[in-house]
Amino acid sequence: MSTPRTLTLPDGVRPETLETDRGAFATLTAVPEIGTPLGTVLLVPGWTGSKEDFTPLVDHLCRYGWRAVAVDQRGQYETTGPSDKSAYSLAELGADVVAMSKALGGYSQLVGHSFGGLVAREAVLTDQSVFSTISLLCSGPAAFVDEATLQSLQMLAFGLENLPIEQVYDMKLDHDSKAPGYVAPPEDVAAFLRKRFTGNVPISLAEITRRLTDAEDKTDQLAKSGVRTQVLYGETDDGWPHSVQQAMAAALGVEAAVIPDAGHSPAIDEPAATARLLVDFFHNYPSLTTT
């Protein structure tokens, strides 16, 4: 879960609703005030995340001349979703992202953070014609494999299906606060984190959690899609192991870019450096920071 450092939106970043043929999605959007945008960057958040995970990055991308649109996926925070397990397969979530890109005019530069990378990949495999590039940010090729992580995810999914979501959040917060190095966020940010988690459709969050335990590796299919691909992660990213992300990059025929002084949330930790790596990739410039 990404923790914003401030809830104040930069000038020019505003909440909007994106209407698609698969429903309406809450977004944070920024459009350059002068000139025609270079194109559209569509940003998909990860597990327990939201569009706010990208707020500073949206601002930086806009300054480079891009229209940037960060979204809440279906059932996530401020986007509604059905209480139906089948609605939260990767295929359904990927189809939503295809619809978002079409509604934005197509040819999007697609960025998927963490679990959002699995969704972004599914979207490209569903219809590569509406994406110019895909960037996998702190993401992996498939489900997690270590037993401790799998057990925690399975317990959380079970709790979300059988307990009030507010109680599940309290239990998660108690667990997280006991971790080494935990630093409590400011009161307003802490209130936002609670509001965001409990604002999810519970079955949505439960099923997304399960996708982190059963997602298949489709790296080879992505490599054959013809969509230009980027892999990048924070220097101290603690999601998928670095070696796994590097192997995924190699299978895609690219080098993984490493973002210094960033963890699992580079869009918040180092938005300027992350934006530069992204826009250089969009323009097909060589990366200066690689493994």
C-alpha atoms as a PDB file:
ATOM      1  CA  MET A   1       0.000   0.000   0.000  1.00  0.00           C
ATOM      2  CA  SER A   2       1.425   3.379  -1.023  1.00  0.00           C
ATOM      3  CA  THR A   3       1.297   6.131   1.595  1.00  0.00           C
ATOM      4  CA  PRO A   4       0.969   9.671   0.207  1.00  0.00           C
ATOM      5  CA  ARG A   5       3.061  12.354   1.847  1.00  0.00           C
ATOM      6  CA  THR A   6       0.383  14.993   1.373  1.00  0.00           C
ATOM      7  CA  LEU A   7      -3.262  15.019   0.390  1.00  0.00           C
ATOM      8  CA  THR A   8      -3.007  18.425  -1.286  1.00  0.00           C
ATOM      9  CA  LEU A   9      -3.384  18.117  -5.047  1.00  0.00           C
ATOM     10  CA  PRO A  10      -0.813  19.989  -7.145  1.00  0.00           C
ATOM     11  CA  ASP A  11      -2.142  22.832  -9.267  1.00  0.00           C
ATOM     12  CA  GLY A  12      -3.620  21.397 -12.417  1.00  0.00           C
ATOM     13  CA  VAL A  13      -4.302  17.916 -11.008  1.00  0.00           C
ATOM     14  CA  ARG A  14      -8.022  17.483 -10.531  1.00  0.00           C
ATOM     15  CA  PRO A  15     -10.543  14.738  -9.833  1.00  0.00           C
ATOM     16  CA  GLU A  16     -12.554  13.723 -12.884  1.00  0.00           C
ATOM     17  CA  THR A  17     -14.839  10.890 -13.919  1.00  0.00           C
ATOM     18  CA  LEU A  18     -13.855   8.855 -16.966  1.00  0.00           C
ATOM     19  CA  GLU A  19     -16.908   7.498 -18.766  1.00  0.00           C
ATOM     20  CA  THR A  20     -16.342   4.286 -20.730  1.00  0.00           C
ATOM     21  CA  ASP A  21     -18.479   1.605 -22.336  1.00  0.00           C
ATOM     22  CA  ARG A  22     -17.726  -0.536 -19.254  1.00  0.00           C
ATOM     23  CA  GLY A  23     -18.781   2.050 -16.701  1.00  0.00           C
ATOM     24  CA  ALA A  24     -17.454   5.162 -14.994  1.00  0.00           C
ATOM     25  CA  PHE A  25     -14.060   5.346 -13.290  1.00  0.00           C
ATOM     26  CA  ALA A  26     -12.756   7.879 -10.775  1.00  0.00           C
ATOM     27  CA  THR A  27      -9.543   9.555 -11.900  1.00  0.00           C
ATOM     28  CA  LEU A  28      -6.979  12.179 -11.070  1.00  0.00           C
ATOM     29  CA  THR A  29      -6.182  13.940 -14.332  1.00  0.00           C
ATOM     30  CA  ALA A  30      -3.747  16.621 -15.454  1.00  0.00           C
ATOM     31  CA  VAL A  31      -3.615  18.204 -18.902  1.00  0.00           C
ATOM     32  CA  PRO A  32      -0.944  20.685 -20.049  1.00  0.00           C
ATOM     33  CA  GLU A  33      -2.353  24.205 -20.059  1.00  0.00           C
ATOM     34  CA  ILE A  34      -0.480  25.247 -23.202  1.00  0.00           C
ATOM     35  CA  GLY A  35      -0.283  23.389 -26.479  1.00  0.00           C
ATOM     36  CA  THR A  36      -1.493  19.974 -27.551  1.00  0.00           C
ATOM     37  CA  PRO A  37      -0.549  17.108 -25.233  1.00  0.00           C
ATOM     38  CA  LEU A  38       2.121  14.761 -26.533  1.00  0.00           C
ATOM     39  CA  GLY A  39      -0.240  11.897 -25.775  1.00  0.00           C
ATOM     40  CA  THR A  40      -1.946  10.186 -22.860  1.00  0.00           C
ATOM     41  CA  VAL A  41      -0.374   8.306 -19.959  1.00  0.00           C
ATOM     42  CA  LEU A  42      -2.828   5.923 -18.275  1.00  0.00           C
ATOM     43  CA  LEU A  43      -1.758   4.860 -14.781  1.00  0.00           C
ATOM     44  CA  VAL A  44      -3.202   1.769 -13.067  1.00  0.00           C
ATOM     45  CA  PRO A  45      -2.697   1.342  -9.284  1.00  0.00           C
ATOM     46  CA  GLY A  46      -2.022  -1.827  -7.364  1.00  0.00           C
ATOM     47  CA  TRP A  47      -3.355  -3.870  -4.467  1.00  0.00           C
ATOM     48  CA  THR A  48      -4.963  -1.766  -1.689  1.00  0.00           C
ATOM     49  CA  GLY A  49      -3.948   1.281  -3.739  1.00  0.00           C
ATOM     50  CA  SER A  50      -5.751   4.016  -5.632  1.00  0.00           C
ATOM     51  CA  LYS A  51      -5.235   6.835  -8.093  1.00  0.00           C
ATOM     52  CA  GLU A  52      -3.696   8.883  -5.254  1.00  0.00           C
ATOM     53  CA  ASP A  53      -0.618   6.621  -5.428  1.00  0.00           C
ATOM     54  CA  PHE A  54       0.300   8.554  -8.578  1.00  0.00           C
ATOM     55  CA  THR A  55      -0.582  12.121  -7.575  1.00  0.00           C
ATOM     56  CA  PRO A  56       2.928  13.654  -7.734  1.00  0.00           C
ATOM     57  CA  LEU A  57       3.805  11.580 -10.802  1.00  0.00           C
ATOM     58  CA  VAL A  58       0.693  12.816 -12.640  1.00  0.00           C
ATOM     59  CA  ASP A  59       1.900  16.368 -12.005  1.00  0.00           C
ATOM     60  CA  HIS A  60       5.425  15.669 -13.279  1.00  0.00           C
ATOM     61  CA  LEU A  61       4.218  13.881 -16.409  1.00  0.00           C
ATOM     62  CA  CYS A  62       1.940  16.809 -17.199  1.00  0.00           C
ATOM     63  CA  ARG A  63       4.893  19.182 -16.910  1.00  0.00           C
ATOM     64  CA  TYR A  64       6.632  17.137 -19.594  1.00  0.00           C
ATOM     65  CA  GLY A  65       3.677  17.795 -21.879  1.00  0.00           C
ATOM     66  CA  TRP A  66       1.641  14.619 -21.395  1.00  0.00           C
ATOM     67  CA  ARG A  67      -1.988  14.253 -20.408  1.00  0.00           C
ATOM     68  CA  ALA A  68      -1.788  12.000 -17.347  1.00  0.00           C
ATOM     69  CA  VAL A  69      -4.755  10.022 -16.037  1.00  0.00           C
ATOM     70  CA  ALA A  70      -4.530   7.934 -12.851  1.00  0.00           C
ATOM     71  CA  VAL A  71      -7.538   5.722 -12.152  1.00  0.00           C
ATOM     72  CA  ASP A  72      -9.289   3.757  -9.459  1.00  0.00           C
ATOM     73  CA  GLN A  73     -10.073   0.297 -10.810  1.00  0.00           C
ATOM     74  CA  ARG A  74     -13.546  -1.184 -10.476  1.00  0.00           C
ATOM     75  CA  GLY A  75     -14.513  -1.677  -6.839  1.00  0.00           C
ATOM     76  CA  GLN A  76     -11.442   0.303  -5.742  1.00  0.00           C
ATOM     77  CA  TYR A  77     -11.853   3.345  -3.470  1.00  0.00           C
ATOM     78  CA  GLU A  78     -13.975   5.869  -5.409  1.00  0.00           C
ATOM     79  CA  THR A  79     -14.954   3.651  -8.352  1.00  0.00           C
ATOM     80  CA  THR A  80     -17.976   1.459  -7.734  1.00  0.00           C
ATOM     81  CA  GLY A  81     -18.057  -2.239  -8.516  1.00  0.00           C
ATOM     82  CA  PRO A  82     -20.379  -5.234  -8.217  1.00  0.00           C
ATOM     83  CA  SER A  83     -20.376  -7.689  -5.309  1.00  0.00           C
ATOM     84  CA  ASP A  84     -19.643 -10.551  -7.682  1.00  0.00           C
ATOM     85  CA  LYS A  85     -16.415 -12.565  -7.571  1.00  0.00           C
ATOM     86  CA  SER A  86     -16.391 -13.142 -11.318  1.00  0.00           C
ATOM     87  CA  ALA A  87     -16.182  -9.375 -11.907  1.00  0.00           C
ATOM     88  CA  TYR A  88     -12.626  -9.257 -10.553  1.00  0.00           C
ATOM     89  CA  SER A  89     -10.767 -11.700 -12.748  1.00  0.00           C
ATOM     90  CA  LEU A  90      -7.709 -10.333 -14.504  1.00  0.00           C
ATOM     91  CA  ALA A  91      -9.609 -10.667 -17.769  1.00  0.00           C
ATOM     92  CA  GLU A  92     -12.406  -8.379 -16.529  1.00  0.00           C
ATOM     93  CA  LEU A  93     -10.005  -5.860 -14.998  1.00  0.00           C
ATOM     94  CA  GLY A  94      -7.897  -5.848 -18.155  1.00  0.00           C
ATOM     95  CA  ALA A  95     -10.966  -5.263 -20.312  1.00  0.00           C
ATOM     96  CA  ASP A  96     -11.750  -2.213 -18.167  1.00  0.00           C
ATOM     97  CA  VAL A  97      -8.315  -0.752 -18.922  1.00  0.00           C
ATOM     98  CA  VAL A  98      -8.828  -1.359 -22.645  1.00  0.00           C
ATOM     99  CA  ALA A  99     -12.120   0.554 -22.371  1.00  0.00           C
ATOM    100  CA  MET A 100     -10.383   3.378 -20.498  1.00  0.00           C
ATOM    101  CA  SER A 101      -7.748   3.721 -23.219  1.00  0.00           C
ATOM    102  CA  LYS A 102     -10.394   3.754 -25.931  1.00  0.00           C
ATOM    103  CA  ALA A 103     -12.358   6.430 -24.057  1.00  0.00           C
ATOM    104  CA  LEU A 104      -9.166   8.508 -23.874  1.00  0.00           C
ATOM    105  CA  GLY A 105      -8.595   8.203 -27.614  1.00  0.00           C
ATOM    106  CA  GLY A 106      -6.427   5.097 -27.711  1.00  0.00           C
ATOM    107  CA  TYR A 107      -2.664   4.751 -28.125  1.00  0.00           C
ATOM    108  CA  SER A 108      -2.099   5.269 -24.401  1.00  0.00           C
ATOM    109  CA  GLN A 109       1.240   4.929 -22.704  1.00  0.00           C
ATOM    110  CA  LEU A 110       0.158   2.372 -20.082  1.00  0.00           C
ATOM    111  CA  VAL A 111       1.762   2.273 -16.620  1.00  0.00           C
ATOM    112  CA  GLY A 112       0.870  -0.473 -14.132  1.00  0.00           C
ATOM    113  CA  HIS A 113       2.117  -0.305 -10.545  1.00  0.00           C
ATOM    114  CA  SER A 114       2.558  -3.556  -8.589  1.00  0.00           C
ATOM    115  CA  PHE A 115      -0.677  -5.587  -9.012  1.00  0.00           C
ATOM    116  CA  GLY A 116      -1.664  -2.939 -11.529  1.00  0.00           C
ATOM    117  CA  GLY A 117       1.148  -4.269 -13.712  1.00  0.00           C
ATOM    118  CA  LEU A 118      -0.609  -7.633 -13.954  1.00  0.00           C
ATOM    119  CA  VAL A 119      -3.804  -5.831 -14.949  1.00  0.00           C
ATOM    120  CA  ALA A 120      -1.950  -3.646 -17.458  1.00  0.00           C
ATOM    121  CA  ARG A 121      -0.350  -6.726 -19.025  1.00  0.00           C
ATOM    122  CA  GLU A 122      -3.772  -8.383 -19.309  1.00  0.00           C
ATOM    123  CA  ALA A 123      -5.103  -5.256 -21.003  1.00  0.00           C
ATOM    124  CA  VAL A 124      -2.338  -5.332 -23.616  1.00  0.00           C
ATOM    125  CA  LEU A 125      -2.937  -9.027 -24.255  1.00  0.00           C
ATOM    126  CA  THR A 126      -6.659  -8.297 -24.639  1.00  0.00           C
ATOM    127  CA  ASP A 127      -6.199  -5.541 -27.250  1.00  0.00           C
ATOM    128  CA  GLN A 128      -2.704  -4.306 -28.020  1.00  0.00           C
ATOM    129  CA  SER A 129      -4.028  -1.909 -30.672  1.00  0.00           C
ATOM    130  CA  VAL A 130      -5.002   0.763 -28.121  1.00  0.00           C
ATOM    131  CA  PHE A 131      -1.637   0.966 -26.324  1.00  0.00           C
ATOM    132  CA  SER A 132       1.614   2.511 -27.501  1.00  0.00           C
ATOM    133  CA  THR A 133       3.774   1.204 -24.645  1.00  0.00           C
ATOM    134  CA  ILE A 134       3.488  -0.607 -21.322  1.00  0.00           C
ATOM    135  CA  SER A 135       5.603   0.168 -18.245  1.00  0.00           C
ATOM    136  CA  LEU A 136       5.667  -2.381 -15.420  1.00  0.00           C
ATOM    137  CA  LEU A 137       6.480  -0.431 -12.259  1.00  0.00           C
ATOM    138  CA  CYS A 138       7.514  -2.555  -9.255  1.00  0.00           C
ATOM    139  CA  SER A 139       5.500  -5.421 -10.719  1.00  0.00           C
ATOM    140  CA  GLY A 140       6.146  -9.088 -11.320  1.00  0.00           C
ATOM    141  CA  PRO A 141       5.441 -11.850 -13.802  1.00  0.00           C
ATOM    142  CA  ALA A 142       2.942 -13.843 -11.754  1.00  0.00           C
ATOM    143  CA  ALA A 143       1.649 -14.575  -8.260  1.00  0.00           C
ATOM    144  CA  PHE A 144       3.933 -14.445  -5.265  1.00  0.00           C
ATOM    145  CA  VAL A 145       5.520 -17.773  -4.401  1.00  0.00           C
ATOM    146  CA  ASP A 146       6.955 -17.505  -0.894  1.00  0.00           C
ATOM    147  CA  GLU A 147       4.848 -19.286   1.692  1.00  0.00           C
ATOM    148  CA  ALA A 148       4.751 -16.501   4.285  1.00  0.00           C
ATOM    149  CA  THR A 149       3.380 -13.982   1.790  1.00  0.00           C
ATOM    150  CA  LEU A 150       0.867 -16.445   0.375  1.00  0.00           C
ATOM    151  CA  GLN A 151      -0.397 -17.312   3.835  1.00  0.00           C
ATOM    152  CA  SER A 152      -0.848 -13.637   4.756  1.00  0.00           C
ATOM    153  CA  LEU A 153      -2.710 -12.916   1.533  1.00  0.00           C
ATOM    154  CA  GLN A 154      -4.984 -15.925   1.932  1.00  0.00           C
ATOM    155  CA  MET A 155      -5.821 -14.907   5.511  1.00  0.00           C
ATOM    156  CA  LEU A 156      -6.596 -11.368   4.402  1.00  0.00           C
ATOM    157  CA  ALA A 157      -8.869 -12.587   1.594  1.00  0.00           C
ATOM    158  CA  PHE A 158     -10.696 -14.849   4.049  1.00  0.00           C
ATOM    159  CA  GLY A 159     -11.130 -11.941   6.471  1.00  0.00           C
ATOM    160  CA  LEU A 160     -12.507  -9.648   3.778  1.00  0.00           C
ATOM    161  CA  GLU A 161     -15.171 -12.227   2.934  1.00  0.00           C
ATOM    162  CA  ASN A 162     -16.167 -12.972   6.522  1.00  0.00           C
ATOM    163  CA  LEU A 163     -15.603  -9.838   8.611  1.00  0.00           C
ATOM    164  CA  PRO A 164     -16.585  -6.166   8.338  1.00  0.00           C
ATOM    165  CA  ILE A 165     -13.977  -4.422   6.228  1.00  0.00           C
ATOM    166  CA  GLU A 166     -13.384  -1.883   9.016  1.00  0.00           C
ATOM    167  CA  GLN A 167     -12.369  -4.723  11.343  1.00  0.00           C
ATOM    168  CA  VAL A 168     -10.058  -6.171   8.705  1.00  0.00           C
ATOM    169  CA  TYR A 169      -8.365  -2.787   8.353  1.00  0.00           C
ATOM    170  CA  ASP A 170      -7.862  -2.518  12.106  1.00  0.00           C
ATOM    171  CA  MET A 171      -6.265  -5.959  12.158  1.00  0.00           C
ATOM    172  CA  LYS A 172      -4.033  -5.116   9.196  1.00  0.00           C
ATOM    173  CA  LEU A 173      -3.011  -1.816  10.770  1.00  0.00           C
ATOM    174  CA  ASP A 174      -2.148  -3.559  14.038  1.00  0.00           C
ATOM    175  CA  HIS A 175      -0.022  -6.076  12.128  1.00  0.00           C
ATOM    176  CA  ASP A 176       1.732  -3.443  10.005  1.00  0.00           C
ATOM    177  CA  SER A 177       2.446  -1.151  12.970  1.00  0.00           C
ATOM    178  CA  LYS A 178       4.502  -3.899  14.619  1.00  0.00           C
ATOM    179  CA  ALA A 179       6.823  -4.260  11.645  1.00  0.00           C
ATOM    180  CA  PRO A 180      10.421  -3.058  12.063  1.00  0.00           C
ATOM    181  CA  GLY A 181      10.870   0.527  10.935  1.00  0.00           C
ATOM    182  CA  TYR A 182       7.163   1.350  10.913  1.00  0.00           C
ATOM    183  CA  VAL A 183       6.499   5.087  11.100  1.00  0.00           C
ATOM    184  CA  ALA A 184       2.951   6.276  11.732  1.00  0.00           C
ATOM    185  CA  PRO A 185       1.759   8.744   9.060  1.00  0.00           C
ATOM    186  CA  PRO A 186       0.313  12.172   9.923  1.00  0.00           C
ATOM    187  CA  GLU A 187      -3.255  12.092  11.211  1.00  0.00           C
ATOM    188  CA  ASP A 188      -4.826  13.317   7.965  1.00  0.00           C
ATOM    189  CA  VAL A 189      -2.925  10.747   5.901  1.00  0.00           C
ATOM    190  CA  ALA A 190      -3.809   8.000   8.399  1.00  0.00           C
ATOM    191  CA  ALA A 191      -7.475   8.970   8.075  1.00  0.00           C
ATOM    192  CA  PHE A 192      -7.205   8.819   4.289  1.00  0.00           C
ATOM    193  CA  LEU A 193      -5.590   5.366   4.376  1.00  0.00           C
ATOM    194  CA  ARG A 194      -8.474   4.073   6.496  1.00  0.00           C
ATOM    195  CA  LYS A 195     -11.086   5.734   4.285  1.00  0.00           C
ATOM    196  CA  ARG A 196      -9.476   4.322   1.148  1.00  0.00           C
ATOM    197  CA  PHE A 197      -9.172   0.751   2.404  1.00  0.00           C
ATOM    198  CA  THR A 198     -12.688   0.650   3.827  1.00  0.00           C
ATOM    199  CA  GLY A 199     -14.044   2.341   0.691  1.00  0.00           C
ATOM    200  CA  ASN A 200     -13.187  -0.707  -1.402  1.00  0.00           C
ATOM    201  CA  VAL A 201     -15.930  -3.135  -2.340  1.00  0.00           C
ATOM    202  CA  PRO A 202     -14.924  -5.979   0.049  1.00  0.00           C
ATOM    203  CA  ILE A 203     -15.320  -8.762  -2.519  1.00  0.00           C
ATOM    204  CA  SER A 204     -13.233  -6.700  -4.957  1.00  0.00           C
ATOM    205  CA  LEU A 205     -10.347  -6.424  -2.523  1.00  0.00           C
ATOM    206  CA  ALA A 206     -10.686 -10.089  -1.550  1.00  0.00           C
ATOM    207  CA  GLU A 207     -10.517 -11.218  -5.174  1.00  0.00           C
ATOM    208  CA  ILE A 208      -7.635  -8.883  -6.044  1.00  0.00           C
ATOM    209  CA  THR A 209      -5.812 -10.340  -3.053  1.00  0.00           C
ATOM    210  CA  ARG A 210      -6.415 -13.827  -4.446  1.00  0.00           C
ATOM    211  CA  ARG A 211      -5.028 -12.790  -7.838  1.00  0.00           C
ATOM    212  CA  LEU A 212      -1.728 -12.208  -6.061  1.00  0.00           C
ATOM    213  CA  THR A 213      -1.791 -15.891  -5.085  1.00  0.00           C
ATOM    214  CA  ASP A 214      -2.872 -17.439  -8.402  1.00  0.00           C
ATOM    215  CA  ALA A 215      -1.933 -15.138 -11.325  1.00  0.00           C
ATOM    216  CA  GLU A 216      -0.253 -16.963 -14.201  1.00  0.00           C
ATOM    217  CA  ASP A 217       3.021 -15.933 -15.806  1.00  0.00           C
ATOM    218  CA  LYS A 218       2.190 -14.438 -19.212  1.00  0.00           C
ATOM    219  CA  THR A 219       5.547 -12.782 -19.833  1.00  0.00           C
ATOM    220  CA  ASP A 220       6.146 -14.729 -23.024  1.00  0.00           C
ATOM    221  CA  GLN A 221       2.782 -13.637 -24.398  1.00  0.00           C
ATOM    222  CA  LEU A 222       3.562 -10.003 -23.594  1.00  0.00           C
ATOM    223  CA  ALA A 223       6.931 -10.321 -25.322  1.00  0.00           C
ATOM    224  CA  LYS A 224       5.132 -11.444 -28.482  1.00  0.00           C
ATOM    225  CA  SER A 225       2.485  -8.720 -28.333  1.00  0.00           C
ATOM    226  CA  GLY A 226       4.501  -6.168 -30.272  1.00  0.00           C
ATOM    227  CA  VAL A 227       3.902  -3.472 -27.633  1.00  0.00           C
ATOM    228  CA  ARG A 228       7.136  -1.840 -26.488  1.00  0.00           C
ATOM    229  CA  THR A 229       7.734  -2.714 -22.820  1.00  0.00           C
ATOM    230  CA  GLN A 230       9.609  -1.172 -19.894  1.00  0.00           C
ATOM    231  CA  VAL A 231      10.440  -2.702 -16.493  1.00  0.00           C
ATOM    232  CA  LEU A 232      11.425  -0.429 -13.613  1.00  0.00           C
ATOM    233  CA  TYR A 233      11.477  -0.650  -9.838  1.00  0.00           C
ATOM    234  CA  GLY A 234      12.693   1.158  -6.739  1.00  0.00           C
ATOM    235  CA  GLU A 235      16.166   0.525  -5.374  1.00  0.00           C
ATOM    236  CA  THR A 236      14.702  -0.849  -2.131  1.00  0.00           C
ATOM    237  CA  ASP A 237      11.470  -2.283  -3.584  1.00  0.00           C
ATOM    238  CA  ASP A 238      10.203  -5.018  -1.261  1.00  0.00           C
ATOM    239  CA  GLY A 239       7.449  -6.442  -3.485  1.00  0.00           C
ATOM    240  CA  TRP A 240       8.521  -9.001  -6.048  1.00  0.00           C
ATOM    241  CA  PRO A 241      12.216  -9.874  -5.526  1.00  0.00           C
ATOM    242  CA  HIS A 242      14.589  -7.830  -7.662  1.00  0.00           C
ATOM    243  CA  SER A 243      15.917 -11.004  -9.254  1.00  0.00           C
ATOM    244  CA  VAL A 244      12.391 -11.933 -10.356  1.00  0.00           C
ATOM    245  CA  GLN A 245      11.814  -8.510 -11.915  1.00  0.00           C
ATOM    246  CA  GLN A 246      15.196  -8.664 -13.634  1.00  0.00           C
ATOM    247  CA  ALA A 247      14.402 -12.107 -15.053  1.00  0.00           C
ATOM    248  CA  MET A 248      11.055 -10.807 -16.292  1.00  0.00           C
ATOM    249  CA  ALA A 249      12.806  -7.905 -17.999  1.00  0.00           C
ATOM    250  CA  ALA A 250      15.284 -10.278 -19.633  1.00  0.00           C
ATOM    251  CA  ALA A 251      12.439 -12.449 -20.922  1.00  0.00           C
ATOM    252  CA  LEU A 252      10.913  -9.303 -22.424  1.00  0.00           C
ATOM    253  CA  GLY A 253      14.209  -8.416 -24.073  1.00  0.00           C
ATOM    254  CA  VAL A 254      14.824  -5.258 -22.023  1.00  0.00           C
ATOM    255  CA  GLU A 255      16.954  -4.120 -19.119  1.00  0.00           C
ATOM    256  CA  ALA A 256      15.227  -3.294 -15.824  1.00  0.00           C
ATOM    257  CA  ALA A 257      15.666   0.345 -14.797  1.00  0.00           C
ATOM    258  CA  VAL A 258      16.333   0.978 -11.105  1.00  0.00           C
ATOM    259  CA  ILE A 259      15.057   4.156  -9.443  1.00  0.00           C
ATOM    260  CA  PRO A 260      17.536   5.295  -6.749  1.00  0.00           C
ATOM    261  CA  ASP A 261      16.272   6.223  -3.265  1.00  0.00           C
ATOM    262  CA  ALA A 262      12.854   4.674  -3.949  1.00  0.00           C
ATOM    263  CA  GLY A 263      11.061   1.659  -2.522  1.00  0.00           C
ATOM    264  CA  HIS A 264       7.873  -0.033  -3.694  1.00  0.00           C
ATOM    265  CA  SER A 265       6.202   3.325  -4.428  1.00  0.00           C
ATOM    266  CA  PRO A 266       8.564   5.293  -6.689  1.00  0.00           C
ATOM    267  CA  ALA A 267       5.732   7.533  -7.872  1.00  0.00           C
ATOM    268  CA  ILE A 268       5.617   8.906  -4.329  1.00  0.00           C
ATOM    269  CA  ASP A 269       9.218   8.384  -3.208  1.00  0.00           C
ATOM    270  CA  GLU A 270      10.922   9.804  -6.306  1.00  0.00           C
ATOM    271  CA  PRO A 271       8.303  11.169  -8.710  1.00  0.00           C
ATOM    272  CA  ALA A 272      10.711  13.337 -10.697  1.00  0.00           C
ATOM    273  CA  ALA A 273      13.149  10.496 -11.378  1.00  0.00           C
ATOM    274  CA  THR A 274      10.290   8.117 -12.152  1.00  0.00           C
ATOM    275  CA  ALA A 275       8.703  10.573 -14.566  1.00  0.00           C
ATOM    276  CA  ARG A 276      12.015  11.094 -16.365  1.00  0.00           C
ATOM    277  CA  LEU A 277      12.525   7.355 -16.853  1.00  0.00           C
ATOM    278  CA  LEU A 278       8.989   7.028 -18.162  1.00  0.00           C
ATOM    279  CA  VAL A 279       9.069   9.926 -20.619  1.00  0.00           C
ATOM    280  CA  ASP A 280      12.505   8.916 -21.913  1.00  0.00           C
ATOM    281  CA  PHE A 281      11.012   5.495 -22.588  1.00  0.00           C
ATOM    282  CA  PHE A 282       7.936   6.982 -24.245  1.00  0.00           C
ATOM    283  CA  HIS A 283      10.259   8.919 -26.564  1.00  0.00           C
ATOM    284  CA  ASN A 284      12.461   5.822 -27.010  1.00  0.00           C
ATOM    285  CA  TYR A 285      15.489   7.483 -25.450  1.00  0.00           C
ATOM    286  CA  PRO A 286      18.074   5.131 -23.852  1.00  0.00           C
ATOM    287  CA  SER A 287      17.774   4.711 -20.070  1.00  0.00           C
ATOM    288  CA  LEU A 288      20.717   5.865 -17.972  1.00  0.00           C
ATOM    289  CA  THR A 289      19.764   3.920 -14.858  1.00  0.00           C
ATOM    290  CA  THR A 290      19.685   0.153 -15.334  1.00  0.00           C
ATOM    291  CA  THR A 291      20.608  -3.008 -13.501  1.00  0.00           C
END
